[in-house]
Amino acid sequence: MKTSMRYVDHGTGGSAAVLQIKEGPLPQPASGEVLIAVHYAGVNRPDVFQRSGSYPPPPGASAVLGLEVSGIIVAKADDVTAWNIGDQVCALTAGGGYAEYCTAPALHCLPVPEGLDLLQAAALPENYFTVWTNVFDRERPWKEQTLLIHGGSSGIGLTAIQLGKALGAKVITTVGNAAKAAFCTSIGADLAINYREQDFVQEALTFTGKRGVDVILDMVGGDYINKNIWTLAPHGLLVQIAFLQGSTTQIDALPIMLKRLTITGSTLRPRSIAEKAGIARSLLKTVWPMLASGSCKPVIHQVFPLAEAAQAHALMESSTHIGKIMLKVR
């Protein structure tokens, strides 16, 4: 095996232009880890935030960007028994995905779903771990629920739309243009609201006969927080997973009391190995059969060579894409 590898370096941070290929030593699997020869890596918003200096990696994580990969296991720690050398996997990583080789906890690896290839598999972990644990891995009567998803054309949004429909929910989403609206309805959204032209609060209330929606998945924040509260039905749930427009705003808290609302949220990366392993087990049991059956599928917008990571980040920041942006490593 090689002793060095190509990886994407972001130096001390900055614009997408700082990304460049460098050569460095192969990471070595620690206890409980495997070493993956990376074929594809997903590009995600947290990568952009880390590159720009606003999202440092957690203690002990690789400083190299990249939170999800697919590839082939080429080495493993002595205490890893669940996987063998040569197994094809996709994996959630704490960092290091923009490289020819990447380590990952064995417990965070999943098999490539039946019928999918390595490119499609690499598009799964970050979105499906995030959406499943925050929204769907909870007891709710989904066939009686209305779900509002902001940012429907993102990887997160498209994942949530498909899971919501697969579980029987009515799904509303917000998008920024007509093309994105059409795509979201084509994969299952019951209503796609162009937030540039329509008031999503009024549109959602009209759709639900003034009752409001049961669950909202939001990554926008800012003034959306208060709007979300007014949009929720009694006993509704607001799930916050990011704050693209900021985490502070002035809200009217009275509807929280009157409608008995729940507001929650989380970030995935800092969670413990055990917590993320639990999510992986739940996905394998419940969601991987959906992927194999075709009721859910990754949507890939564009694939860039590893050396063109800067262009991939520029596309991510433009928000013109629909679905996942991927890097081809080998």
C-alpha atoms as a PDB file:
ATOM      1  CA  MET A   1       0.000   0.000   0.000  1.00  0.00           C
ATOM      2  CA  LYS A   2       1.096   3.561  -0.632  1.00  0.00           C
ATOM      3  CA  THR A   3       2.479   5.570   2.275  1.00  0.00           C
ATOM      4  CA  SER A   4       1.351   8.966   1.002  1.00  0.00           C
ATOM      5  CA  MET A   5      -1.831  10.310  -0.542  1.00  0.00           C
ATOM      6  CA  ARG A   6      -3.367  13.285  -2.306  1.00  0.00           C
ATOM      7  CA  TYR A   7      -5.801  15.391  -0.309  1.00  0.00           C
ATOM      8  CA  VAL A   8      -7.489  18.790  -0.499  1.00  0.00           C
ATOM      9  CA  ASP A   9      -5.899  21.385   1.753  1.00  0.00           C
ATOM     10  CA  HIS A  10      -7.662  24.578   2.841  1.00  0.00           C
ATOM     11  CA  GLY A  11      -4.663  26.170   4.547  1.00  0.00           C
ATOM     12  CA  THR A  12      -5.663  28.799   7.095  1.00  0.00           C
ATOM     13  CA  GLY A  13      -9.055  29.229   5.466  1.00  0.00           C
ATOM     14  CA  GLY A  14     -10.727  31.745   3.209  1.00  0.00           C
ATOM     15  CA  SER A  15     -12.640  31.689  -0.065  1.00  0.00           C
ATOM     16  CA  ALA A  16     -13.080  28.600  -2.215  1.00  0.00           C
ATOM     17  CA  ALA A  17      -9.926  29.590  -4.092  1.00  0.00           C
ATOM     18  CA  VAL A  18      -7.734  28.493  -1.150  1.00  0.00           C
ATOM     19  CA  LEU A  19      -8.508  24.829  -1.839  1.00  0.00           C
ATOM     20  CA  GLN A  20      -5.622  22.986  -3.443  1.00  0.00           C
ATOM     21  CA  ILE A  21      -4.232  19.472  -3.771  1.00  0.00           C
ATOM     22  CA  LYS A  22      -1.362  18.525  -1.495  1.00  0.00           C
ATOM     23  CA  GLU A  23       0.492  15.324  -0.656  1.00  0.00           C
ATOM     24  CA  GLY A  24       0.557  13.924   2.863  1.00  0.00           C
ATOM     25  CA  PRO A  25       0.866  10.705   4.866  1.00  0.00           C
ATOM     26  CA  LEU A  26      -1.880   8.111   4.955  1.00  0.00           C
ATOM     27  CA  PRO A  27      -3.990   8.179   8.126  1.00  0.00           C
ATOM     28  CA  GLN A  28      -3.784   5.045  10.248  1.00  0.00           C
ATOM     29  CA  PRO A  29      -6.889   3.382  11.692  1.00  0.00           C
ATOM     30  CA  ALA A  30      -7.110   3.686  15.466  1.00  0.00           C
ATOM     31  CA  SER A  31      -8.967   1.217  17.659  1.00  0.00           C
ATOM     32  CA  GLY A  32     -12.436   0.573  16.251  1.00  0.00           C
ATOM     33  CA  GLU A  33     -11.633   2.191  12.896  1.00  0.00           C
ATOM     34  CA  VAL A  34     -11.217   1.157   9.277  1.00  0.00           C
ATOM     35  CA  LEU A  35      -9.153   2.745   6.510  1.00  0.00           C
ATOM     36  CA  ILE A  36     -11.122   3.390   3.328  1.00  0.00           C
ATOM     37  CA  ALA A  37      -9.668   3.877  -0.157  1.00  0.00           C
ATOM     38  CA  VAL A  38     -12.004   6.709  -1.082  1.00  0.00           C
ATOM     39  CA  HIS A  39     -13.759   6.610  -4.437  1.00  0.00           C
ATOM     40  CA  TYR A  40     -16.204   9.472  -3.888  1.00  0.00           C
ATOM     41  CA  ALA A  41     -16.757  12.155  -1.254  1.00  0.00           C
ATOM     42  CA  GLY A  42     -19.786  14.347  -0.683  1.00  0.00           C
ATOM     43  CA  VAL A  43     -19.589  18.152  -0.498  1.00  0.00           C
ATOM     44  CA  ASN A  44     -21.685  19.658   2.301  1.00  0.00           C
ATOM     45  CA  ARG A  45     -22.410  23.073   3.802  1.00  0.00           C
ATOM     46  CA  PRO A  46     -20.348  22.309   6.927  1.00  0.00           C
ATOM     47  CA  ASP A  47     -17.325  21.825   4.629  1.00  0.00           C
ATOM     48  CA  VAL A  48     -17.839  25.355   3.320  1.00  0.00           C
ATOM     49  CA  PHE A  49     -18.173  26.724   6.862  1.00  0.00           C
ATOM     50  CA  GLN A  50     -15.011  24.900   7.974  1.00  0.00           C
ATOM     51  CA  ARG A  51     -13.074  26.149   4.958  1.00  0.00           C
ATOM     52  CA  SER A  52     -14.124  29.732   5.696  1.00  0.00           C
ATOM     53  CA  GLY A  53     -13.050  29.402   9.342  1.00  0.00           C
ATOM     54  CA  SER A  54     -16.449  29.378  11.061  1.00  0.00           C
ATOM     55  CA  TYR A  55     -16.788  25.646  11.823  1.00  0.00           C
ATOM     56  CA  PRO A  56     -13.644  24.104  13.321  1.00  0.00           C
ATOM     57  CA  PRO A  57     -13.450  20.296  13.505  1.00  0.00           C
ATOM     58  CA  PRO A  58     -14.127  18.671  16.884  1.00  0.00           C
ATOM     59  CA  PRO A  59     -11.138  17.614  19.025  1.00  0.00           C
ATOM     60  CA  GLY A  60      -9.319  14.627  17.563  1.00  0.00           C
ATOM     61  CA  ALA A  61     -10.953  14.859  14.128  1.00  0.00           C
ATOM     62  CA  SER A  62      -8.988  15.200  10.916  1.00  0.00           C
ATOM     63  CA  ALA A  63      -8.400  18.793   9.827  1.00  0.00           C
ATOM     64  CA  VAL A  64      -9.052  17.718   6.226  1.00  0.00           C
ATOM     65  CA  LEU A  65     -12.521  18.578   4.919  1.00  0.00           C
ATOM     66  CA  GLY A  66     -15.096  15.931   4.138  1.00  0.00           C
ATOM     67  CA  LEU A  67     -17.843  14.300   6.224  1.00  0.00           C
ATOM     68  CA  GLU A  68     -18.946  11.401   4.011  1.00  0.00           C
ATOM     69  CA  VAL A  69     -17.273   8.979   1.643  1.00  0.00           C
ATOM     70  CA  SER A  70     -17.671   5.738  -0.217  1.00  0.00           C
ATOM     71  CA  GLY A  71     -14.969   3.297  -1.151  1.00  0.00           C
ATOM     72  CA  ILE A  72     -13.253   0.045  -0.265  1.00  0.00           C
ATOM     73  CA  ILE A  73     -11.864  -0.975   3.103  1.00  0.00           C
ATOM     74  CA  VAL A  74      -8.112  -1.536   2.737  1.00  0.00           C
ATOM     75  CA  ALA A  75      -7.069  -1.810   6.395  1.00  0.00           C
ATOM     76  CA  LYS A  76      -8.678  -2.052   9.810  1.00  0.00           C
ATOM     77  CA  ALA A  77      -7.826  -2.101  13.493  1.00  0.00           C
ATOM     78  CA  ASP A  78      -7.380  -5.490  15.126  1.00  0.00           C
ATOM     79  CA  ASP A  79     -10.587  -5.075  17.139  1.00  0.00           C
ATOM     80  CA  VAL A  80     -12.805  -4.530  14.079  1.00  0.00           C
ATOM     81  CA  THR A  81     -14.729  -7.704  13.266  1.00  0.00           C
ATOM     82  CA  ALA A  82     -17.834  -6.435  11.464  1.00  0.00           C
ATOM     83  CA  TRP A  83     -15.988  -5.582   8.226  1.00  0.00           C
ATOM     84  CA  ASN A  84     -13.407  -7.277   6.033  1.00  0.00           C
ATOM     85  CA  ILE A  85     -10.660  -5.992   3.766  1.00  0.00           C
ATOM     86  CA  GLY A  86     -12.210  -5.464   0.331  1.00  0.00           C
ATOM     87  CA  ASP A  87     -15.720  -4.595   1.559  1.00  0.00           C
ATOM     88  CA  GLN A  88     -17.451  -1.748  -0.254  1.00  0.00           C
ATOM     89  CA  VAL A  89     -18.926   0.761   2.177  1.00  0.00           C
ATOM     90  CA  CYS A  90     -20.163   4.284   2.612  1.00  0.00           C
ATOM     91  CA  ALA A  91     -19.292   6.032   5.830  1.00  0.00           C
ATOM     92  CA  LEU A  92     -19.978   9.058   7.979  1.00  0.00           C
ATOM     93  CA  THR A  93     -16.682  10.615   9.007  1.00  0.00           C
ATOM     94  CA  ALA A  94     -15.690  13.337  11.456  1.00  0.00           C
ATOM     95  CA  GLY A  95     -13.427  14.759   8.730  1.00  0.00           C
ATOM     96  CA  GLY A  96     -10.864  13.655   6.181  1.00  0.00           C
ATOM     97  CA  GLY A  97     -13.117  12.752   3.256  1.00  0.00           C
ATOM     98  CA  TYR A  98     -11.468  14.984   0.646  1.00  0.00           C
ATOM     99  CA  ALA A  99      -8.566  12.578   0.301  1.00  0.00           C
ATOM    100  CA  GLU A 100      -7.490   9.347  -1.371  1.00  0.00           C
ATOM    101  CA  TYR A 101      -7.688   7.535   1.979  1.00  0.00           C
ATOM    102  CA  CYS A 102      -9.834   8.240   5.003  1.00  0.00           C
ATOM    103  CA  THR A 103     -10.387   6.590   8.379  1.00  0.00           C
ATOM    104  CA  ALA A 104     -13.841   6.117   9.872  1.00  0.00           C
ATOM    105  CA  PRO A 105     -15.268   4.332  12.899  1.00  0.00           C
ATOM    106  CA  ALA A 106     -16.339   0.881  11.793  1.00  0.00           C
ATOM    107  CA  LEU A 107     -19.663   1.514  13.524  1.00  0.00           C
ATOM    108  CA  HIS A 108     -20.321   4.459  11.188  1.00  0.00           C
ATOM    109  CA  CYS A 109     -19.879   2.415   8.024  1.00  0.00           C
ATOM    110  CA  LEU A 110     -22.828   1.052   6.103  1.00  0.00           C
ATOM    111  CA  PRO A 111     -23.017  -1.307   3.132  1.00  0.00           C
ATOM    112  CA  VAL A 112     -23.726   0.120  -0.311  1.00  0.00           C
ATOM    113  CA  PRO A 113     -27.514  -0.270  -0.659  1.00  0.00           C
ATOM    114  CA  GLU A 114     -28.667  -2.878  -3.130  1.00  0.00           C
ATOM    115  CA  GLY A 115     -29.003  -1.359  -6.597  1.00  0.00           C
ATOM    116  CA  LEU A 116     -26.844   1.694  -5.860  1.00  0.00           C
ATOM    117  CA  ASP A 117     -23.247   2.309  -6.929  1.00  0.00           C
ATOM    118  CA  LEU A 118     -20.365   3.899  -5.021  1.00  0.00           C
ATOM    119  CA  LEU A 119     -21.156   7.382  -6.324  1.00  0.00           C
ATOM    120  CA  GLN A 120     -24.739   7.219  -5.097  1.00  0.00           C
ATOM    121  CA  ALA A 121     -23.683   5.629  -1.809  1.00  0.00           C
ATOM    122  CA  ALA A 122     -21.280   8.472  -1.022  1.00  0.00           C
ATOM    123  CA  ALA A 123     -24.200  10.907  -1.277  1.00  0.00           C
ATOM    124  CA  LEU A 124     -26.078   9.213   1.570  1.00  0.00           C
ATOM    125  CA  PRO A 125     -24.406   9.417   5.002  1.00  0.00           C
ATOM    126  CA  GLU A 126     -24.404  13.105   5.969  1.00  0.00           C
ATOM    127  CA  ASN A 127     -27.935  13.765   4.729  1.00  0.00           C
ATOM    128  CA  TYR A 128     -29.573  10.556   5.874  1.00  0.00           C
ATOM    129  CA  PHE A 129     -27.926  10.503   9.314  1.00  0.00           C
ATOM    130  CA  THR A 130     -28.950  14.145   9.823  1.00  0.00           C
ATOM    131  CA  VAL A 131     -32.518  13.960   8.562  1.00  0.00           C
ATOM    132  CA  TRP A 132     -33.339  10.593  10.083  1.00  0.00           C
ATOM    133  CA  THR A 133     -32.166  11.381  13.617  1.00  0.00           C
ATOM    134  CA  ASN A 134     -33.615  14.888  13.708  1.00  0.00           C
ATOM    135  CA  VAL A 135     -36.982  14.352  12.066  1.00  0.00           C
ATOM    136  CA  PHE A 136     -38.066  10.778  11.515  1.00  0.00           C
ATOM    137  CA  ASP A 137     -36.534   8.645  14.258  1.00  0.00           C
ATOM    138  CA  ARG A 138     -39.300   9.612  16.665  1.00  0.00           C
ATOM    139  CA  GLU A 139     -42.793   8.342  17.352  1.00  0.00           C
ATOM    140  CA  ARG A 140     -45.215  10.328  15.198  1.00  0.00           C
ATOM    141  CA  PRO A 141     -48.274   9.216  13.175  1.00  0.00           C
ATOM    142  CA  TRP A 142     -46.665  10.228   9.879  1.00  0.00           C
ATOM    143  CA  LYS A 143     -49.663   9.265   7.755  1.00  0.00           C
ATOM    144  CA  GLU A 144     -51.631  11.952   9.617  1.00  0.00           C
ATOM    145  CA  GLN A 145     -48.865  14.572   9.606  1.00  0.00           C
ATOM    146  CA  THR A 146     -47.973  17.544   7.428  1.00  0.00           C
ATOM    147  CA  LEU A 147     -44.243  18.234   7.136  1.00  0.00           C
ATOM    148  CA  LEU A 148     -42.735  21.555   6.001  1.00  0.00           C
ATOM    149  CA  ILE A 149     -39.143  21.389   4.753  1.00  0.00           C
ATOM    150  CA  HIS A 150     -37.213  24.572   4.064  1.00  0.00           C
ATOM    151  CA  GLY A 151     -34.532  24.428   1.359  1.00  0.00           C
ATOM    152  CA  GLY A 152     -36.242  21.606  -0.486  1.00  0.00           C
ATOM    153  CA  SER A 153     -33.775  21.440  -3.382  1.00  0.00           C
ATOM    154  CA  SER A 154     -30.738  20.893  -1.144  1.00  0.00           C
ATOM    155  CA  GLY A 155     -29.421  17.435  -0.400  1.00  0.00           C
ATOM    156  CA  ILE A 156     -31.003  17.629   3.053  1.00  0.00           C
ATOM    157  CA  GLY A 157     -34.285  18.888   1.623  1.00  0.00           C
ATOM    158  CA  LEU A 158     -34.593  16.237  -1.077  1.00  0.00           C
ATOM    159  CA  THR A 159     -33.786  13.532   1.460  1.00  0.00           C
ATOM    160  CA  ALA A 160     -36.473  14.792   3.837  1.00  0.00           C
ATOM    161  CA  ILE A 161     -39.083  15.093   1.075  1.00  0.00           C
ATOM    162  CA  GLN A 162     -38.544  11.492  -0.013  1.00  0.00           C
ATOM    163  CA  LEU A 163     -38.488  10.066   3.505  1.00  0.00           C
ATOM    164  CA  GLY A 164     -41.602  12.020   4.419  1.00  0.00           C
ATOM    165  CA  LYS A 165     -43.497  10.705   1.417  1.00  0.00           C
ATOM    166  CA  ALA A 166     -42.236   7.147   1.961  1.00  0.00           C
ATOM    167  CA  LEU A 167     -43.641   7.283   5.494  1.00  0.00           C
ATOM    168  CA  GLY A 168     -46.976   8.689   4.334  1.00  0.00           C
ATOM    169  CA  ALA A 169     -46.775  12.365   5.324  1.00  0.00           C
ATOM    170  CA  LYS A 170     -48.093  15.339   3.372  1.00  0.00           C
ATOM    171  CA  VAL A 171     -44.996  17.329   2.384  1.00  0.00           C
ATOM    172  CA  ILE A 172     -44.632  21.065   1.797  1.00  0.00           C
ATOM    173  CA  THR A 173     -41.314  22.631   0.846  1.00  0.00           C
ATOM    174  CA  THR A 174     -39.861  26.075   0.156  1.00  0.00           C
ATOM    175  CA  VAL A 175     -37.540  26.796  -2.767  1.00  0.00           C
ATOM    176  CA  GLY A 176     -36.062  29.812  -4.561  1.00  0.00           C
ATOM    177  CA  ASN A 177     -37.283  29.398  -8.139  1.00  0.00           C
ATOM    178  CA  ALA A 178     -39.762  27.649 -10.394  1.00  0.00           C
ATOM    179  CA  ALA A 179     -37.304  25.005 -11.624  1.00  0.00           C
ATOM    180  CA  LYS A 180     -36.544  23.924  -8.085  1.00  0.00           C
ATOM    181  CA  ALA A 181     -40.258  23.880  -7.273  1.00  0.00           C
ATOM    182  CA  ALA A 182     -40.975  21.651 -10.260  1.00  0.00           C
ATOM    183  CA  PHE A 183     -38.206  19.242  -9.325  1.00  0.00           C
ATOM    184  CA  CYS A 184     -39.363  18.968  -5.707  1.00  0.00           C
ATOM    185  CA  THR A 185     -42.933  18.192  -6.753  1.00  0.00           C
ATOM    186  CA  SER A 186     -41.620  15.645  -9.259  1.00  0.00           C
ATOM    187  CA  ILE A 187     -40.028  13.631  -6.445  1.00  0.00           C
ATOM    188  CA  GLY A 188     -43.028  13.792  -4.138  1.00  0.00           C
ATOM    189  CA  ALA A 189     -43.603  17.199  -2.540  1.00  0.00           C
ATOM    190  CA  ASP A 190     -47.321  17.953  -2.366  1.00  0.00           C
ATOM    191  CA  LEU A 191     -46.702  21.709  -2.433  1.00  0.00           C
ATOM    192  CA  ALA A 192     -43.573  23.679  -3.363  1.00  0.00           C
ATOM    193  CA  ILE A 193     -43.613  27.339  -2.329  1.00  0.00           C
ATOM    194  CA  ASN A 194     -41.362  29.876  -4.067  1.00  0.00           C
ATOM    195  CA  TYR A 195     -40.308  31.951  -1.062  1.00  0.00           C
ATOM    196  CA  ARG A 196     -39.169  34.801  -3.332  1.00  0.00           C
ATOM    197  CA  GLU A 197     -42.717  35.288  -4.607  1.00  0.00           C
ATOM    198  CA  GLN A 198     -44.981  33.793  -1.945  1.00  0.00           C
ATOM    199  CA  ASP A 199     -45.450  34.029   1.824  1.00  0.00           C
ATOM    200  CA  PHE A 200     -44.742  30.504   3.020  1.00  0.00           C
ATOM    201  CA  VAL A 201     -46.739  31.045   6.223  1.00  0.00           C
ATOM    202  CA  GLN A 202     -49.915  31.934   4.367  1.00  0.00           C
ATOM    203  CA  GLU A 203     -49.407  29.244   1.725  1.00  0.00           C
ATOM    204  CA  ALA A 204     -48.858  26.551   4.354  1.00  0.00           C
ATOM    205  CA  LEU A 205     -51.869  27.672   6.390  1.00  0.00           C
ATOM    206  CA  THR A 206     -54.049  27.668   3.274  1.00  0.00           C
ATOM    207  CA  PHE A 207     -52.822  24.178   2.322  1.00  0.00           C
ATOM    208  CA  THR A 208     -53.702  22.849   5.782  1.00  0.00           C
ATOM    209  CA  GLY A 209     -57.068  24.596   6.067  1.00  0.00           C
ATOM    210  CA  LYS A 210     -55.633  27.068   8.616  1.00  0.00           C
ATOM    211  CA  ARG A 211     -54.661  24.232  10.973  1.00  0.00           C
ATOM    212  CA  GLY A 212     -50.906  24.625  10.445  1.00  0.00           C
ATOM    213  CA  VAL A 213     -48.187  22.045   9.841  1.00  0.00           C
ATOM    214  CA  ASP A 214     -47.139  19.370  12.309  1.00  0.00           C
ATOM    215  CA  VAL A 215     -43.371  19.326  11.776  1.00  0.00           C
ATOM    216  CA  ILE A 216     -40.956  21.873  10.311  1.00  0.00           C
ATOM    217  CA  LEU A 217     -37.350  21.139   9.330  1.00  0.00           C
ATOM    218  CA  ASP A 218     -35.420  24.394   9.076  1.00  0.00           C
ATOM    219  CA  MET A 219     -31.832  25.310   8.299  1.00  0.00           C
ATOM    220  CA  VAL A 220     -32.479  28.989   7.560  1.00  0.00           C
ATOM    221  CA  GLY A 221     -33.068  30.537  10.979  1.00  0.00           C
ATOM    222  CA  GLY A 222     -33.184  34.321  11.248  1.00  0.00           C
ATOM    223  CA  ASP A 223     -36.700  35.674  10.824  1.00  0.00           C
ATOM    224  CA  TYR A 224     -37.855  32.199   9.732  1.00  0.00           C
ATOM    225  CA  ILE A 225     -37.805  31.146  13.394  1.00  0.00           C
ATOM    226  CA  ASN A 226     -40.764  33.340  14.326  1.00  0.00           C
ATOM    227  CA  LYS A 227     -42.565  32.555  11.057  1.00  0.00           C
ATOM    228  CA  ASN A 228     -42.133  28.837  11.731  1.00  0.00           C
ATOM    229  CA  ILE A 229     -43.689  29.186  15.170  1.00  0.00           C
ATOM    230  CA  TRP A 230     -46.760  30.852  13.665  1.00  0.00           C
ATOM    231  CA  THR A 231     -46.980  28.168  10.959  1.00  0.00           C
ATOM    232  CA  LEU A 232     -47.039  25.192  13.339  1.00  0.00           C
ATOM    233  CA  ALA A 233     -50.232  23.379  14.310  1.00  0.00           C
ATOM    234  CA  PRO A 234     -51.077  22.574  17.948  1.00  0.00           C
ATOM    235  CA  HIS A 235     -48.496  20.143  19.380  1.00  0.00           C
ATOM    236  CA  GLY A 236     -46.237  20.977  16.439  1.00  0.00           C
ATOM    237  CA  LEU A 237     -42.495  20.368  16.297  1.00  0.00           C
ATOM    238  CA  LEU A 238     -39.824  22.752  14.973  1.00  0.00           C
ATOM    239  CA  VAL A 239     -36.473  21.089  14.223  1.00  0.00           C
ATOM    240  CA  GLN A 240     -33.547  23.472  13.684  1.00  0.00           C
ATOM    241  CA  ILE A 241     -30.413  21.999  12.069  1.00  0.00           C
ATOM    242  CA  ALA A 242     -28.603  25.129  10.854  1.00  0.00           C
ATOM    243  CA  PHE A 243     -28.809  28.935  10.800  1.00  0.00           C
ATOM    244  CA  LEU A 244     -27.921  30.190   7.331  1.00  0.00           C
ATOM    245  CA  GLN A 245     -29.515  33.553   8.186  1.00  0.00           C
ATOM    246  CA  GLY A 246     -28.380  33.686  11.800  1.00  0.00           C
ATOM    247  CA  SER A 247     -29.411  32.182  15.127  1.00  0.00           C
ATOM    248  CA  THR A 248     -30.766  35.318  16.794  1.00  0.00           C
ATOM    249  CA  THR A 249     -34.083  37.044  16.167  1.00  0.00           C
ATOM    250  CA  GLN A 250     -36.949  38.544  18.115  1.00  0.00           C
ATOM    251  CA  ILE A 251     -39.782  36.052  18.595  1.00  0.00           C
ATOM    252  CA  ASP A 252     -43.259  36.066  20.058  1.00  0.00           C
ATOM    253  CA  ALA A 253     -43.176  33.133  22.468  1.00  0.00           C
ATOM    254  CA  LEU A 254     -46.909  33.166  23.238  1.00  0.00           C
ATOM    255  CA  PRO A 255     -47.823  30.698  20.443  1.00  0.00           C
ATOM    256  CA  ILE A 256     -45.358  28.219  21.926  1.00  0.00           C
ATOM    257  CA  MET A 257     -47.482  28.136  25.086  1.00  0.00           C
ATOM    258  CA  LEU A 258     -50.884  28.376  23.437  1.00  0.00           C
ATOM    259  CA  LYS A 259     -50.173  25.651  20.863  1.00  0.00           C
ATOM    260  CA  ARG A 260     -47.992  23.537  23.174  1.00  0.00           C
ATOM    261  CA  LEU A 261     -45.135  23.506  20.674  1.00  0.00           C
ATOM    262  CA  THR A 262     -41.775  21.768  20.870  1.00  0.00           C
ATOM    263  CA  ILE A 263     -38.624  23.428  19.516  1.00  0.00           C
ATOM    264  CA  THR A 264     -35.516  21.302  19.201  1.00  0.00           C
ATOM    265  CA  GLY A 265     -32.404  20.939  17.097  1.00  0.00           C
ATOM    266  CA  SER A 266     -28.977  19.401  16.943  1.00  0.00           C
ATOM    267  CA  THR A 267     -25.700  19.190  15.080  1.00  0.00           C
ATOM    268  CA  LEU A 268     -24.454  15.796  13.972  1.00  0.00           C
ATOM    269  CA  ARG A 269     -20.668  16.139  13.916  1.00  0.00           C
ATOM    270  CA  PRO A 270     -19.999  16.575  17.680  1.00  0.00           C
ATOM    271  CA  ARG A 271     -22.159  13.604  18.691  1.00  0.00           C
ATOM    272  CA  SER A 272     -20.435  10.637  20.259  1.00  0.00           C
ATOM    273  CA  ILE A 273     -19.360   7.571  18.311  1.00  0.00           C
ATOM    274  CA  ALA A 274     -22.007   5.569  20.164  1.00  0.00           C
ATOM    275  CA  GLU A 275     -24.796   8.002  19.287  1.00  0.00           C
ATOM    276  CA  LYS A 276     -23.910   8.007  15.601  1.00  0.00           C
ATOM    277  CA  ALA A 277     -23.551   4.218  15.653  1.00  0.00           C
ATOM    278  CA  GLY A 278     -27.134   4.029  16.910  1.00  0.00           C
ATOM    279  CA  ILE A 279     -28.286   6.174  13.995  1.00  0.00           C
ATOM    280  CA  ALA A 280     -26.401   3.906  11.581  1.00  0.00           C
ATOM    281  CA  ARG A 281     -28.177   0.827  12.971  1.00  0.00           C
ATOM    282  CA  SER A 282     -31.551   2.514  12.630  1.00  0.00           C
ATOM    283  CA  LEU A 283     -30.816   3.547   9.039  1.00  0.00           C
ATOM    284  CA  LEU A 284     -29.708   0.038   8.102  1.00  0.00           C
ATOM    285  CA  LYS A 285     -32.906  -1.433   9.534  1.00  0.00           C
ATOM    286  CA  THR A 286     -35.455   1.102   8.303  1.00  0.00           C
ATOM    287  CA  VAL A 287     -34.067   3.305   5.525  1.00  0.00           C
ATOM    288  CA  TRP A 288     -31.665   1.050   3.596  1.00  0.00           C
ATOM    289  CA  PRO A 289     -34.619  -1.138   2.450  1.00  0.00           C
ATOM    290  CA  MET A 290     -36.309   2.050   1.148  1.00  0.00           C
ATOM    291  CA  LEU A 291     -33.192   2.853  -0.862  1.00  0.00           C
ATOM    292  CA  ALA A 292     -33.013  -0.697  -2.208  1.00  0.00           C
ATOM    293  CA  SER A 293     -36.675  -0.565  -3.255  1.00  0.00           C
ATOM    294  CA  GLY A 294     -36.278   2.800  -4.967  1.00  0.00           C
ATOM    295  CA  SER A 295     -38.788   4.642  -2.771  1.00  0.00           C
ATOM    296  CA  CYS A 296     -35.895   6.928  -1.802  1.00  0.00           C
ATOM    297  CA  LYS A 297     -32.828   7.749  -3.879  1.00  0.00           C
ATOM    298  CA  PRO A 298     -29.935  10.216  -3.781  1.00  0.00           C
ATOM    299  CA  VAL A 299     -30.160  13.100  -6.221  1.00  0.00           C
ATOM    300  CA  ILE A 300     -26.746  14.075  -7.608  1.00  0.00           C
ATOM    301  CA  HIS A 301     -26.372  17.447  -9.303  1.00  0.00           C
ATOM    302  CA  GLN A 302     -22.729  17.375 -10.420  1.00  0.00           C
ATOM    303  CA  VAL A 303     -19.515  15.418  -9.889  1.00  0.00           C
ATOM    304  CA  PHE A 304     -16.136  17.202  -9.819  1.00  0.00           C
ATOM    305  CA  PRO A 305     -12.645  15.671  -9.830  1.00  0.00           C
ATOM    306  CA  LEU A 306     -10.911  15.978  -6.450  1.00  0.00           C
ATOM    307  CA  ALA A 307      -8.577  18.621  -7.915  1.00  0.00           C
ATOM    308  CA  GLU A 308     -11.623  20.802  -8.695  1.00  0.00           C
ATOM    309  CA  ALA A 309     -12.863  21.031  -5.103  1.00  0.00           C
ATOM    310  CA  ALA A 310     -12.727  24.830  -5.355  1.00  0.00           C
ATOM    311  CA  GLN A 311     -15.251  24.786  -8.194  1.00  0.00           C
ATOM    312  CA  ALA A 312     -17.439  22.408  -6.193  1.00  0.00           C
ATOM    313  CA  HIS A 313     -17.426  24.799  -3.227  1.00  0.00           C
ATOM    314  CA  ALA A 314     -18.190  27.766  -5.466  1.00  0.00           C
ATOM    315  CA  LEU A 315     -21.223  25.909  -6.808  1.00  0.00           C
ATOM    316  CA  MET A 316     -22.356  25.063  -3.279  1.00  0.00           C
ATOM    317  CA  GLU A 317     -22.122  28.716  -2.278  1.00  0.00           C
ATOM    318  CA  SER A 318     -24.066  29.812  -5.359  1.00  0.00           C
ATOM    319  CA  SER A 319     -27.090  27.750  -4.226  1.00  0.00           C
ATOM    320  CA  THR A 320     -27.993  27.130  -7.873  1.00  0.00           C
ATOM    321  CA  HIS A 321     -27.698  23.347  -7.569  1.00  0.00           C
ATOM    322  CA  ILE A 322     -30.456  20.791  -7.048  1.00  0.00           C
ATOM    323  CA  GLY A 323     -29.251  17.861  -4.953  1.00  0.00           C
ATOM    324  CA  LYS A 324     -25.785  16.693  -4.036  1.00  0.00           C
ATOM    325  CA  ILE A 325     -22.414  17.974  -5.192  1.00  0.00           C
ATOM    326  CA  MET A 326     -19.794  15.219  -5.237  1.00  0.00           C
ATOM    327  CA  LEU A 327     -16.033  14.768  -5.610  1.00  0.00           C
ATOM    328  CA  LYS A 328     -14.586  11.876  -7.615  1.00  0.00           C
ATOM    329  CA  VAL A 329     -11.383  10.766  -5.918  1.00  0.00           C
ATOM    330  CA  ARG A 330     -10.321   7.773  -8.017  1.00  0.00           C
END
